[in-house]
Each structure stands twice: as C-alpha cells, then as structure tokens.
Amino acid sequence: MLVSVISSLFVVLYAIRTYTFTVGRKEITLFVMILLIGMYEVLVDPPYLDFLLLLLILLLFRFFKIIAV
C-alpha cells in the first residue's frame, strides 16, 4: 500500500509540474479530504461508523459542489 501511495504522489506531482493537471479549489479540497479519510481509516475506524463516514463524504462532496444531483 505504501508503494501505491508513493507512486500516486509522484504521478500527481509530475502532472502538476508539466501543467497537465491544474490545481484549483476542488482539487485541493479533494486532496485534503483523501488525507483526512486515510488518517481516519488508519487511526480510528470503528466498524459501525463506516456508514456515517460515507454519508459525511457524500454531504461534503455536495457542499463543495464536486458532485451535483
């Protein structure tokens, strides 16, 4: 898993450096959310709160207008 994270990080940094991928407000929000969710999954993760985490993620996506329903 650590190798996948490092590899993905290199790909994202390369895409940003070559201007293939531009970082805006939505992208920064997603990166922060992914980081926080990853920390939650590693450090806390009680099984009964997984459903609530999913609902929170969907609400945050809706709030930041990342998804539109």
PDB file of N, CA and C in Angstrom:
ATOM      1  N   MET A   1       0.812  -1.190   0.000  1.00  0.00           N
ATOM      2  CA  MET A   1       0.000   0.000   0.000  1.00  0.00           C
ATOM      3  C   MET A   1       0.862   1.262   0.000  1.00  0.00           C
ATOM      4  N   LEU A   2       1.918   1.253   0.748  1.00  0.00           N
ATOM      5  CA  LEU A   2       2.797   2.416   0.802  1.00  0.00           C
ATOM      6  C   LEU A   2       3.408   2.700  -0.575  1.00  0.00           C
ATOM      7  N   VAL A   3       3.742   1.651  -1.305  1.00  0.00           N
ATOM      8  CA  VAL A   3       4.306   1.834  -2.643  1.00  0.00           C
ATOM      9  C   VAL A   3       3.285   2.485  -3.562  1.00  0.00           C
ATOM     10  N   SER A   4       2.032   2.109  -3.449  1.00  0.00           N
ATOM     11  CA  SER A   4       0.970   2.717  -4.266  1.00  0.00           C
ATOM     12  C   SER A   4       0.797   4.193  -3.943  1.00  0.00           C
ATOM     13  N   VAL A   5       0.855   4.531  -2.675  1.00  0.00           N
ATOM     14  CA  VAL A   5       0.714   5.931  -2.272  1.00  0.00           C
ATOM     15  C   VAL A   5       1.869   6.752  -2.828  1.00  0.00           C
ATOM     16  N   ILE A   6       3.072   6.266  -2.705  1.00  0.00           N
ATOM     17  CA  ILE A   6       4.247   6.998  -3.206  1.00  0.00           C
ATOM     18  C   ILE A   6       4.188   7.124  -4.723  1.00  0.00           C
ATOM     19  N   SER A   7       3.814   6.057  -5.403  1.00  0.00           N
ATOM     20  CA  SER A   7       3.698   6.090  -6.856  1.00  0.00           C
ATOM     21  C   SER A   7       2.639   7.095  -7.299  1.00  0.00           C
ATOM     22  N   SER A   8       1.501   7.085  -6.646  1.00  0.00           N
ATOM     23  CA  SER A   8       0.439   8.037  -6.992  1.00  0.00           C
ATOM     24  C   SER A   8       0.871   9.466  -6.734  1.00  0.00           C
ATOM     25  N   LEU A   9       1.591   9.681  -5.653  1.00  0.00           N
ATOM     26  CA  LEU A   9       2.097  11.007  -5.341  1.00  0.00           C
ATOM     27  C   LEU A   9       3.047  11.506  -6.426  1.00  0.00           C
ATOM     28  N   PHE A  10       3.932  10.645  -6.895  1.00  0.00           N
ATOM     29  CA  PHE A  10       4.847  11.024  -7.970  1.00  0.00           C
ATOM     30  C   PHE A  10       4.093  11.359  -9.250  1.00  0.00           C
ATOM     31  N   VAL A  11       3.073  10.594  -9.579  1.00  0.00           N
ATOM     32  CA  VAL A  11       2.285  10.849 -10.791  1.00  0.00           C
ATOM     33  C   VAL A  11       1.574  12.192 -10.692  1.00  0.00           C
ATOM     34  N   VAL A  12       0.966  12.479  -9.547  1.00  0.00           N
ATOM     35  CA  VAL A  12       0.263  13.755  -9.372  1.00  0.00           C
ATOM     36  C   VAL A  12       1.250  14.916  -9.428  1.00  0.00           C
ATOM     37  N   LEU A  13       2.378  14.791  -8.753  1.00  0.00           N
ATOM     38  CA  LEU A  13       3.369  15.872  -8.786  1.00  0.00           C
ATOM     39  C   LEU A  13       3.909  16.105 -10.189  1.00  0.00           C
ATOM     40  N   TYR A  14       4.136  15.026 -10.950  1.00  0.00           N
ATOM     41  CA  TYR A  14       4.597  15.170 -12.334  1.00  0.00           C
ATOM     42  C   TYR A  14       3.540  15.857 -13.195  1.00  0.00           C
ATOM     43  N   ALA A  15       2.271  15.471 -13.008  1.00  0.00           N
ATOM     44  CA  ALA A  15       1.192  16.090 -13.785  1.00  0.00           C
ATOM     45  C   ALA A  15       1.058  17.568 -13.460  1.00  0.00           C
ATOM     46  N   ILE A  16       1.234  17.932 -12.206  1.00  0.00           N
ATOM     47  CA  ILE A  16       1.165  19.348 -11.824  1.00  0.00           C
ATOM     48  C   ILE A  16       2.354  20.112 -12.392  1.00  0.00           C
ATOM     49  N   ARG A  17       3.517  19.516 -12.327  1.00  0.00           N
ATOM     50  CA  ARG A  17       4.736  20.191 -12.788  1.00  0.00           C
ATOM     51  C   ARG A  17       4.735  20.419 -14.301  1.00  0.00           C
ATOM     52  N   THR A  18       4.133  19.495 -15.061  1.00  0.00           N
ATOM     53  CA  THR A  18       4.087  19.632 -16.515  1.00  0.00           C
ATOM     54  C   THR A  18       2.824  20.343 -16.993  1.00  0.00           C
ATOM     55  N   TYR A  19       2.054  20.893 -16.065  1.00  0.00           N
ATOM     56  CA  TYR A  19       0.824  21.635 -16.348  1.00  0.00           C
ATOM     57  C   TYR A  19      -0.226  20.792 -17.071  1.00  0.00           C
ATOM     58  N   THR A  20      -0.162  19.485 -16.899  1.00  0.00           N
ATOM     59  CA  THR A  20      -1.197  18.603 -17.415  1.00  0.00           C
ATOM     60  C   THR A  20      -2.412  18.648 -16.507  1.00  0.00           C
ATOM     61  N   PHE A  21      -2.172  18.882 -15.249  1.00  0.00           N
ATOM     62  CA  PHE A  21      -3.208  18.897 -14.225  1.00  0.00           C
ATOM     63  C   PHE A  21      -3.096  20.209 -13.470  1.00  0.00           C
ATOM     64  N   THR A  22      -4.153  20.986 -13.494  1.00  0.00           N
ATOM     65  CA  THR A  22      -4.125  22.248 -12.758  1.00  0.00           C
ATOM     66  C   THR A  22      -4.858  22.080 -11.433  1.00  0.00           C
ATOM     67  N   VAL A  23      -4.319  22.678 -10.415  1.00  0.00           N
ATOM     68  CA  VAL A  23      -4.882  22.536  -9.075  1.00  0.00           C
ATOM     69  C   VAL A  23      -5.750  23.754  -8.770  1.00  0.00           C
ATOM     70  N   GLY A  24      -7.015  23.470  -8.530  1.00  0.00           N
ATOM     71  CA  GLY A  24      -7.960  24.514  -8.153  1.00  0.00           C
ATOM     72  C   GLY A  24      -8.521  24.227  -6.774  1.00  0.00           C
ATOM     73  N   ARG A  25      -9.587  24.936  -6.444  1.00  0.00           N
ATOM     74  CA  ARG A  25     -10.199  24.780  -5.121  1.00  0.00           C
ATOM     75  C   ARG A  25     -10.770  23.381  -4.919  1.00  0.00           C
ATOM     76  N   LYS A  26     -11.412  22.838  -5.939  1.00  0.00           N
ATOM     77  CA  LYS A  26     -11.996  21.496  -5.824  1.00  0.00           C
ATOM     78  C   LYS A  26     -10.918  20.431  -5.621  1.00  0.00           C
ATOM     79  N   GLU A  27      -9.831  20.545  -6.356  1.00  0.00           N
ATOM     80  CA  GLU A  27      -8.764  19.559  -6.237  1.00  0.00           C
ATOM     81  C   GLU A  27      -8.105  19.598  -4.870  1.00  0.00           C
ATOM     82  N   ILE A  28      -7.864  20.803  -4.364  1.00  0.00           N
ATOM     83  CA  ILE A  28      -7.275  20.927  -3.029  1.00  0.00           C
ATOM     84  C   ILE A  28      -8.214  20.346  -1.976  1.00  0.00           C
ATOM     85  N   THR A  29      -9.508  20.616  -2.129  1.00  0.00           N
ATOM     86  CA  THR A  29     -10.496  20.057  -1.210  1.00  0.00           C
ATOM     87  C   THR A  29     -10.467  18.539  -1.244  1.00  0.00           C
ATOM     88  N   LEU A  30     -10.404  17.973  -2.434  1.00  0.00           N
ATOM     89  CA  LEU A  30     -10.348  16.512  -2.547  1.00  0.00           C
ATOM     90  C   LEU A  30      -9.085  15.933  -1.935  1.00  0.00           C
ATOM     91  N   PHE A  31      -7.942  16.567  -2.172  1.00  0.00           N
ATOM     92  CA  PHE A  31      -6.694  16.074  -1.602  1.00  0.00           C
ATOM     93  C   PHE A  31      -6.738  16.088  -0.074  1.00  0.00           C
ATOM     94  N   VAL A  32      -7.255  17.163   0.498  1.00  0.00           N
ATOM     95  CA  VAL A  32      -7.354  17.252   1.958  1.00  0.00           C
ATOM     96  C   VAL A  32      -8.321  16.204   2.498  1.00  0.00           C
ATOM     97  N   MET A  33      -9.452  16.027   1.811  1.00  0.00           N
ATOM     98  CA  MET A  33     -10.422  15.028   2.252  1.00  0.00           C
ATOM     99  C   MET A  33      -9.842  13.619   2.183  1.00  0.00           C
ATOM    100  N   ILE A  34      -9.115  13.310   1.127  1.00  0.00           N
ATOM    101  CA  ILE A  34      -8.492  11.993   0.999  1.00  0.00           C
ATOM    102  C   ILE A  34      -7.488  11.766   2.119  1.00  0.00           C
ATOM    103  N   LEU A  35      -6.696  12.800   2.434  1.00  0.00           N
ATOM    104  CA  LEU A  35      -5.728  12.692   3.518  1.00  0.00           C
ATOM    105  C   LEU A  35      -6.420  12.453   4.857  1.00  0.00           C
ATOM    106  N   LEU A  36      -7.466  13.221   5.136  1.00  0.00           N
ATOM    107  CA  LEU A  36      -8.183  13.063   6.402  1.00  0.00           C
ATOM    108  C   LEU A  36      -8.886  11.709   6.500  1.00  0.00           C
ATOM    109  N   ILE A  37      -9.461  11.253   5.407  1.00  0.00           N
ATOM    110  CA  ILE A  37     -10.128   9.952   5.414  1.00  0.00           C
ATOM    111  C   ILE A  37      -9.108   8.837   5.611  1.00  0.00           C
ATOM    112  N   GLY A  38      -7.958   8.967   4.984  1.00  0.00           N
ATOM    113  CA  GLY A  38      -6.909   7.968   5.167  1.00  0.00           C
ATOM    114  C   GLY A  38      -6.426   7.913   6.606  1.00  0.00           C
ATOM    115  N   MET A  39      -6.248   9.073   7.214  1.00  0.00           N
ATOM    116  CA  MET A  39      -5.837   9.095   8.621  1.00  0.00           C
ATOM    117  C   MET A  39      -6.919   8.481   9.508  1.00  0.00           C
ATOM    118  N   TYR A  40      -8.160   8.767   9.203  1.00  0.00           N
ATOM    119  CA  TYR A  40      -9.265   8.190   9.964  1.00  0.00           C
ATOM    120  C   TYR A  40      -9.270   6.665   9.851  1.00  0.00           C
ATOM    121  N   GLU A  41      -9.107   6.166   8.636  1.00  0.00           N
ATOM    122  CA  GLU A  41      -9.146   4.715   8.412  1.00  0.00           C
ATOM    123  C   GLU A  41      -8.006   4.006   9.142  1.00  0.00           C
ATOM    124  N   VAL A  42      -6.860   4.640   9.221  1.00  0.00           N
ATOM    125  CA  VAL A  42      -5.714   4.007   9.869  1.00  0.00           C
ATOM    126  C   VAL A  42      -5.800   4.117  11.390  1.00  0.00           C
ATOM    127  N   LEU A  43      -6.218   5.266  11.894  1.00  0.00           N
ATOM    128  CA  LEU A  43      -6.142   5.517  13.329  1.00  0.00           C
ATOM    129  C   LEU A  43      -7.403   5.146  14.102  1.00  0.00           C
ATOM    130  N   VAL A  44      -8.568   5.306  13.524  1.00  0.00           N
ATOM    131  CA  VAL A  44      -9.797   5.151  14.302  1.00  0.00           C
ATOM    132  C   VAL A  44     -10.605   3.954  13.817  1.00  0.00           C
ATOM    133  N   ASP A  45     -11.299   4.104  12.744  1.00  0.00           N
ATOM    134  CA  ASP A  45     -12.110   3.125  12.024  1.00  0.00           C
ATOM    135  C   ASP A  45     -12.891   2.129  12.875  1.00  0.00           C
ATOM    136  N   PRO A  46     -13.846   2.597  13.665  1.00  0.00           N
ATOM    137  CA  PRO A  46     -14.774   1.636  14.255  1.00  0.00           C
ATOM    138  C   PRO A  46     -15.758   1.175  13.179  1.00  0.00           C
ATOM    139  N   PRO A  47     -16.046  -0.109  13.110  1.00  0.00           N
ATOM    140  CA  PRO A  47     -16.867  -0.635  12.001  1.00  0.00           C
ATOM    141  C   PRO A  47     -18.259  -0.022  11.909  1.00  0.00           C
ATOM    142  N   TYR A  48     -18.864   0.335  13.015  1.00  0.00           N
ATOM    143  CA  TYR A  48     -20.226   0.855  12.966  1.00  0.00           C
ATOM    144  C   TYR A  48     -20.305   2.292  12.459  1.00  0.00           C
ATOM    145  N   LEU A  49     -19.176   2.991  12.355  1.00  0.00           N
ATOM    146  CA  LEU A  49     -19.201   4.367  11.863  1.00  0.00           C
ATOM    147  C   LEU A  49     -18.877   4.485  10.373  1.00  0.00           C
ATOM    148  N   ASP A  50     -18.606   3.369   9.710  1.00  0.00           N
ATOM    149  CA  ASP A  50     -18.304   3.424   8.277  1.00  0.00           C
ATOM    150  C   ASP A  50     -19.466   4.003   7.475  1.00  0.00           C
ATOM    151  N   PHE A  51     -20.670   3.643   7.841  1.00  0.00           N
ATOM    152  CA  PHE A  51     -21.847   4.170   7.146  1.00  0.00           C
ATOM    153  C   PHE A  51     -21.951   5.681   7.338  1.00  0.00           C
ATOM    154  N   LEU A  52     -21.700   6.167   8.540  1.00  0.00           N
ATOM    155  CA  LEU A  52     -21.753   7.606   8.796  1.00  0.00           C
ATOM    156  C   LEU A  52     -20.647   8.345   8.046  1.00  0.00           C
ATOM    157  N   LEU A  53     -19.484   7.731   7.938  1.00  0.00           N
ATOM    158  CA  LEU A  53     -18.397   8.342   7.172  1.00  0.00           C
ATOM    159  C   LEU A  53     -18.788   8.472   5.709  1.00  0.00           C
ATOM    160  N   LEU A  54     -19.420   7.461   5.159  1.00  0.00           N
ATOM    161  CA  LEU A  54     -19.860   7.516   3.769  1.00  0.00           C
ATOM    162  C   LEU A  54     -20.857   8.654   3.565  1.00  0.00           C
ATOM    163  N   LEU A  55     -21.804   8.796   4.480  1.00  0.00           N
ATOM    164  CA  LEU A  55     -22.768   9.890   4.381  1.00  0.00           C
ATOM    165  C   LEU A  55     -22.083  11.250   4.496  1.00  0.00           C
ATOM    166  N   LEU A  56     -21.116  11.364   5.396  1.00  0.00           N
ATOM    167  CA  LEU A  56     -20.382  12.617   5.551  1.00  0.00           C
ATOM    168  C   LEU A  56     -19.615  12.973   4.280  1.00  0.00           C
ATOM    169  N   ILE A  57     -18.991  11.995   3.667  1.00  0.00           N
ATOM    170  CA  ILE A  57     -18.252  12.232   2.425  1.00  0.00           C
ATOM    171  C   ILE A  57     -19.189  12.727   1.335  1.00  0.00           C
ATOM    172  N   LEU A  58     -20.324  12.071   1.192  1.00  0.00           N
ATOM    173  CA  LEU A  58     -21.275  12.496   0.169  1.00  0.00           C
ATOM    174  C   LEU A  58     -21.799  13.902   0.432  1.00  0.00           C
ATOM    175  N   LEU A  59     -22.065  14.221   1.691  1.00  0.00           N
ATOM    176  CA  LEU A  59     -22.519  15.574   2.023  1.00  0.00           C
ATOM    177  C   LEU A  59     -21.441  16.622   1.752  1.00  0.00           C
ATOM    178  N   LEU A  60     -20.191  16.301   2.057  1.00  0.00           N
ATOM    179  CA  LEU A  60     -19.102  17.241   1.767  1.00  0.00           C
ATOM    180  C   LEU A  60     -18.921  17.440   0.266  1.00  0.00           C
ATOM    181  N   PHE A  61     -19.035  16.362  -0.499  1.00  0.00           N
ATOM    182  CA  PHE A  61     -18.949  16.479  -1.958  1.00  0.00           C
ATOM    183  C   PHE A  61     -20.073  17.379  -2.472  1.00  0.00           C
ATOM    184  N   ARG A  62     -21.248  17.200  -1.918  1.00  0.00           N
ATOM    185  CA  ARG A  62     -22.399  18.011  -2.331  1.00  0.00           C
ATOM    186  C   ARG A  62     -22.198  19.472  -1.913  1.00  0.00           C
ATOM    187  N   PHE A  63     -21.694  19.710  -0.704  1.00  0.00           N
ATOM    188  CA  PHE A  63     -21.483  21.062  -0.202  1.00  0.00           C
ATOM    189  C   PHE A  63     -20.464  21.823  -1.040  1.00  0.00           C
ATOM    190  N   PHE A  64     -19.361  21.172  -1.406  1.00  0.00           N
ATOM    191  CA  PHE A  64     -18.320  21.831  -2.211  1.00  0.00           C
ATOM    192  C   PHE A  64     -18.607  21.762  -3.706  1.00  0.00           C
ATOM    193  N   LYS A  65     -19.798  21.275  -4.058  1.00  0.00           N
ATOM    194  CA  LYS A  65     -20.254  21.199  -5.457  1.00  0.00           C
ATOM    195  C   LYS A  65     -19.315  20.383  -6.319  1.00  0.00           C
ATOM    196  N   ILE A  66     -18.755  19.326  -5.743  1.00  0.00           N
ATOM    197  CA  ILE A  66     -17.926  18.397  -6.506  1.00  0.00           C
ATOM    198  C   ILE A  66     -18.837  17.458  -7.294  1.00  0.00           C
ATOM    199  N   ILE A  67     -19.970  17.101  -6.686  1.00  0.00           N
ATOM    200  CA  ILE A  67     -20.987  16.325  -7.392  1.00  0.00           C
ATOM    201  C   ILE A  67     -22.274  17.135  -7.376  1.00  0.00           C
ATOM    202  N   ALA A  68     -23.075  16.945  -8.394  1.00  0.00           N
ATOM    203  CA  ALA A  68     -24.379  17.619  -8.473  1.00  0.00           C
ATOM    204  C   ALA A  68     -25.434  16.545  -8.717  1.00  0.00           C
ATOM    205  N   VAL A  69     -26.484  16.607  -7.930  1.00  0.00           N
ATOM    206  CA  VAL A  69     -27.555  15.617  -8.072  1.00  0.00           C
ATOM    207  C   VAL A  69     -28.803  16.301  -8.548  1.00  0.00           C
TER     208      VAL A  69
END
